Amino acid sequence: MHTMSGNVKVAGGEEWFDVVNERDEVVGRATRREVHATGLWHRAVHVQVFDARGRVFLQKRSMLKDLSPGLWDSSCSGHLDAGEDYDAAAVRELAEEIGVRVTTAPERWFRIEACEPTGWEFVWVYRLRHDGPITVDPLEIQYGEWVAPAEVSARVATRPEDFCPSFKLIWPRIAELIRPAGYYNVKAR
């Protein structure tokens, strides 16, 4: 693990992430490659985007992705860059992956501790109501679709191999949280 300050990318475009301890406190920085190869704890966000009908937008990850290519995942998700906080990463990932531009971070919903299914990432899960257009980045996302929550649960149960490990950990919690209302209800931005 290296320590550095300043830029989050070095020559050649290598990404740098904050490395954290068991309390999610920054203890250093390392390259994306080093973090993933050695299982260092780091940080990520997942944003669940719901429309007025209560459907959630799911993305099928690009085959170009280094982790979980071609698998279904949250509306958008990504690592925090070195020096970046969770809220800023959520705003950035929404714009980069699905073209949704917001001026403030979506609502923080719940947190997941770093574990093997998350790839040793501490994850904040956010939720957002969005009825506008979605424009996927083809380098990040192969395909996306709006899906009713009950259908998502059925797909995860019958074809778990089609979903990212972190999404399979996150989705049951989401399904439990939205079940009392029967649909997702939040103000549009």
Protein backbone atom coordinates (compact mmCIF):
# COMPACT_ATOMS: atom_id res chain seq x y z
CA MET A 1 0.00 0.00 0.00
CA HIS A 2 1.25 3.43 -0.93
CA THR A 3 0.53 6.83 0.43
CA MET A 4 0.25 9.84 -1.82
CA SER A 5 -1.48 13.17 -2.00
CA GLY A 6 -2.99 15.19 -4.77
CA ASN A 7 -4.19 13.59 -7.98
CA VAL A 8 -6.26 10.43 -7.96
CA LYS A 9 -4.85 9.29 -11.30
CA VAL A 10 -1.25 9.00 -12.35
CA ALA A 11 0.36 8.73 -15.77
CA GLY A 12 -1.35 6.04 -17.79
CA GLY A 13 -4.71 6.72 -16.15
CA GLU A 14 -4.25 4.37 -13.18
CA GLU A 15 -6.97 4.98 -10.61
CA TRP A 16 -6.10 5.52 -6.96
CA PHE A 17 -8.44 4.61 -4.11
CA ASP A 18 -8.37 5.38 -0.42
CA VAL A 19 -7.60 2.25 1.59
CA VAL A 20 -9.58 2.09 4.84
CA ASN A 21 -9.52 0.14 8.10
CA GLU A 22 -12.32 -1.81 9.78
CA ARG A 23 -13.90 1.49 10.94
CA ASP A 24 -13.94 2.88 7.36
CA GLU A 25 -11.18 5.36 8.23
CA VAL A 26 -8.61 6.22 5.58
CA VAL A 27 -5.23 4.64 6.32
CA GLY A 28 -3.54 5.00 2.93
CA ARG A 29 -3.94 4.92 -0.82
CA ALA A 30 -3.37 2.24 -3.43
CA THR A 31 -4.01 1.68 -7.10
CA ARG A 32 -7.21 0.02 -8.27
CA ARG A 33 -5.16 -2.95 -9.43
CA GLU A 34 -3.43 -3.33 -6.05
CA VAL A 35 -6.68 -2.92 -4.08
CA HIS A 36 -8.45 -5.62 -6.09
CA ALA A 37 -5.48 -7.99 -6.29
CA THR A 38 -4.80 -7.98 -2.56
CA GLY A 39 -8.29 -7.51 -1.09
CA LEU A 40 -7.63 -4.17 0.59
CA TRP A 41 -10.68 -2.51 2.14
CA HIS A 42 -11.94 0.47 0.16
CA ARG A 43 -15.16 2.37 -0.57
CA ALA A 44 -18.00 2.34 -3.09
CA VAL A 45 -21.51 3.65 -3.69
CA HIS A 46 -24.61 2.04 -5.17
CA VAL A 47 -27.51 4.25 -6.27
CA GLN A 48 -30.97 2.76 -6.80
CA VAL A 49 -33.00 4.89 -9.20
CA PHE A 50 -36.78 4.48 -9.09
CA ASP A 51 -39.39 5.97 -11.42
CA ALA A 52 -42.90 7.23 -10.64
CA ARG A 53 -44.31 3.73 -11.21
CA GLY A 54 -42.01 2.29 -8.54
CA ARG A 55 -39.76 0.47 -10.98
CA VAL A 56 -36.03 0.36 -10.40
CA PHE A 57 -33.51 0.90 -13.18
CA LEU A 58 -31.09 -2.03 -13.45
CA GLN A 59 -27.92 -2.00 -15.48
CA LYS A 60 -26.25 -4.90 -17.22
CA ARG A 61 -22.55 -4.20 -16.85
CA SER A 62 -20.40 -3.77 -19.92
CA MET A 63 -18.33 -6.75 -21.04
CA LEU A 64 -15.35 -4.35 -20.83
CA LYS A 65 -15.57 -4.15 -17.02
CA ASP A 66 -12.74 -5.80 -15.07
CA LEU A 67 -15.12 -7.10 -12.39
CA SER A 68 -18.48 -8.83 -13.00
CA PRO A 69 -18.68 -8.09 -16.74
CA GLY A 70 -22.11 -8.74 -18.25
CA LEU A 71 -23.85 -9.13 -14.88
CA TRP A 72 -26.87 -7.17 -13.67
CA ASP A 73 -26.25 -4.51 -11.02
CA SER A 74 -27.65 -1.46 -9.26
CA SER A 75 -28.81 1.53 -11.31
CA CYS A 76 -25.31 2.88 -10.97
CA SER A 77 -22.38 2.00 -8.78
CA GLY A 78 -18.72 2.80 -8.46
CA HIS A 79 -15.65 3.25 -6.35
CA LEU A 80 -14.78 6.41 -4.50
CA ASP A 81 -11.69 8.06 -5.91
CA ALA A 82 -8.88 8.84 -3.48
CA GLY A 83 -9.86 11.88 -1.42
CA GLU A 84 -13.52 11.73 -2.51
CA ASP A 85 -16.44 11.33 -0.09
CA TYR A 86 -19.46 9.05 -0.55
CA ASP A 87 -21.92 11.79 -1.50
CA ALA A 88 -19.63 13.29 -4.16
CA ALA A 89 -19.05 9.82 -5.62
CA ALA A 90 -22.81 9.18 -5.84
CA VAL A 91 -23.34 12.44 -7.73
CA ARG A 92 -20.38 11.71 -10.05
CA GLU A 93 -21.40 8.10 -10.77
CA LEU A 94 -24.99 9.09 -11.61
CA ALA A 95 -23.71 11.54 -14.23
CA GLU A 96 -20.96 9.28 -15.61
CA GLU A 97 -22.85 6.00 -15.86
CA ILE A 98 -26.46 6.93 -16.60
CA GLY A 99 -26.42 10.63 -17.48
CA VAL A 100 -28.49 11.73 -14.47
CA ARG A 101 -27.25 15.08 -13.25
CA VAL A 102 -28.14 16.16 -9.71
CA THR A 103 -26.89 19.14 -7.73
CA THR A 104 -27.03 17.40 -4.36
CA ALA A 105 -26.45 13.81 -3.36
CA PRO A 106 -29.40 11.44 -3.42
CA GLU A 107 -30.81 10.21 -0.11
CA ARG A 108 -28.51 7.87 1.81
CA TRP A 109 -30.53 4.72 2.41
CA PHE A 110 -28.31 2.21 4.25
CA ARG A 111 -24.72 1.07 4.63
CA ILE A 112 -23.11 -2.30 4.00
CA GLU A 113 -19.95 -3.36 5.81
CA ALA A 114 -16.93 -4.46 3.80
CA CYS A 115 -17.12 -8.19 3.08
CA GLU A 116 -16.28 -10.71 0.39
CA PRO A 117 -19.51 -10.20 -1.66
CA THR A 118 -18.82 -6.45 -1.88
CA GLY A 119 -15.22 -7.05 -2.95
CA TRP A 120 -14.05 -5.70 0.44
CA GLU A 121 -15.84 -2.40 -0.14
CA PHE A 122 -17.71 -0.39 2.47
CA VAL A 123 -20.83 0.60 0.53
CA TRP A 124 -23.35 3.37 1.02
CA VAL A 125 -26.58 2.60 -0.82
CA TYR A 126 -28.53 5.63 -2.03
CA ARG A 127 -32.00 6.01 -3.49
CA LEU A 128 -33.27 8.51 -6.02
CA ARG A 129 -36.59 9.15 -7.73
CA HIS A 130 -35.94 10.09 -11.34
CA ASP A 131 -38.47 10.28 -14.14
CA GLY A 132 -36.24 11.91 -16.73
CA PRO A 133 -34.12 10.31 -19.39
CA ILE A 134 -31.40 7.74 -18.73
CA THR A 135 -28.39 7.80 -21.03
CA VAL A 136 -26.05 4.87 -20.42
CA ASP A 137 -22.32 5.05 -20.98
CA PRO A 138 -21.54 2.09 -23.28
CA LEU A 139 -18.08 1.67 -21.74
CA GLU A 140 -19.76 1.11 -18.36
CA ILE A 141 -23.16 -0.38 -19.21
CA GLN A 142 -24.16 -2.84 -21.91
CA TYR A 143 -27.90 -2.39 -21.38
CA GLY A 144 -30.40 -1.08 -18.86
CA GLU A 145 -34.07 -1.54 -18.09
CA TRP A 146 -36.80 -0.48 -15.67
CA VAL A 147 -38.01 -3.45 -13.60
CA ALA A 148 -40.73 -3.82 -10.96
CA PRO A 149 -39.23 -4.73 -7.55
CA ALA A 150 -41.14 -8.03 -7.35
CA GLU A 151 -39.68 -8.99 -10.73
CA VAL A 152 -36.16 -8.10 -9.54
CA SER A 153 -36.64 -10.36 -6.51
CA ALA A 154 -37.90 -13.19 -8.74
CA ARG A 155 -34.95 -12.84 -11.11
CA VAL A 156 -32.40 -12.80 -8.28
CA ALA A 157 -34.03 -15.93 -6.80
CA THR A 158 -34.20 -17.90 -10.05
CA ARG A 159 -31.01 -16.71 -11.80
CA PRO A 160 -28.58 -15.53 -9.10
CA GLU A 161 -25.63 -16.16 -11.42
CA ASP A 162 -26.85 -13.26 -13.60
CA PHE A 163 -26.28 -10.69 -10.82
CA CYS A 164 -23.22 -9.08 -9.26
CA PRO A 165 -22.33 -10.47 -5.82
CA SER A 166 -22.77 -7.05 -4.18
CA PHE A 167 -26.22 -6.58 -5.73
CA LYS A 168 -27.31 -10.00 -4.44
CA LEU A 169 -26.32 -8.80 -0.96
CA ILE A 170 -27.98 -5.38 -1.30
CA TRP A 171 -31.26 -6.30 -3.06
CA PRO A 172 -32.91 -8.36 -0.27
CA ARG A 173 -32.46 -5.41 2.09
CA ILE A 174 -34.02 -3.06 -0.48
CA ALA A 175 -36.93 -5.46 -1.06
CA GLU A 176 -37.58 -5.59 2.68
CA LEU A 177 -37.43 -1.80 3.03
CA ILE A 178 -39.84 -1.09 0.18
CA ARG A 179 -42.25 -3.98 0.86
CA PRO A 180 -44.46 -2.15 3.40
CA ALA A 181 -45.31 0.57 0.86
CA GLY A 182 -45.57 -1.86 -2.05
CA TYR A 183 -43.56 0.53 -4.20
CA TYR A 184 -40.85 3.11 -3.93
CA ASN A 185 -42.11 6.56 -2.98
CA VAL A 186 -39.80 9.53 -2.87
CA LYS A 187 -40.01 13.06 -4.23
CA ALA A 188 -38.68 13.57 -7.73
CA ARG A 189 -35.64 15.78 -8.19
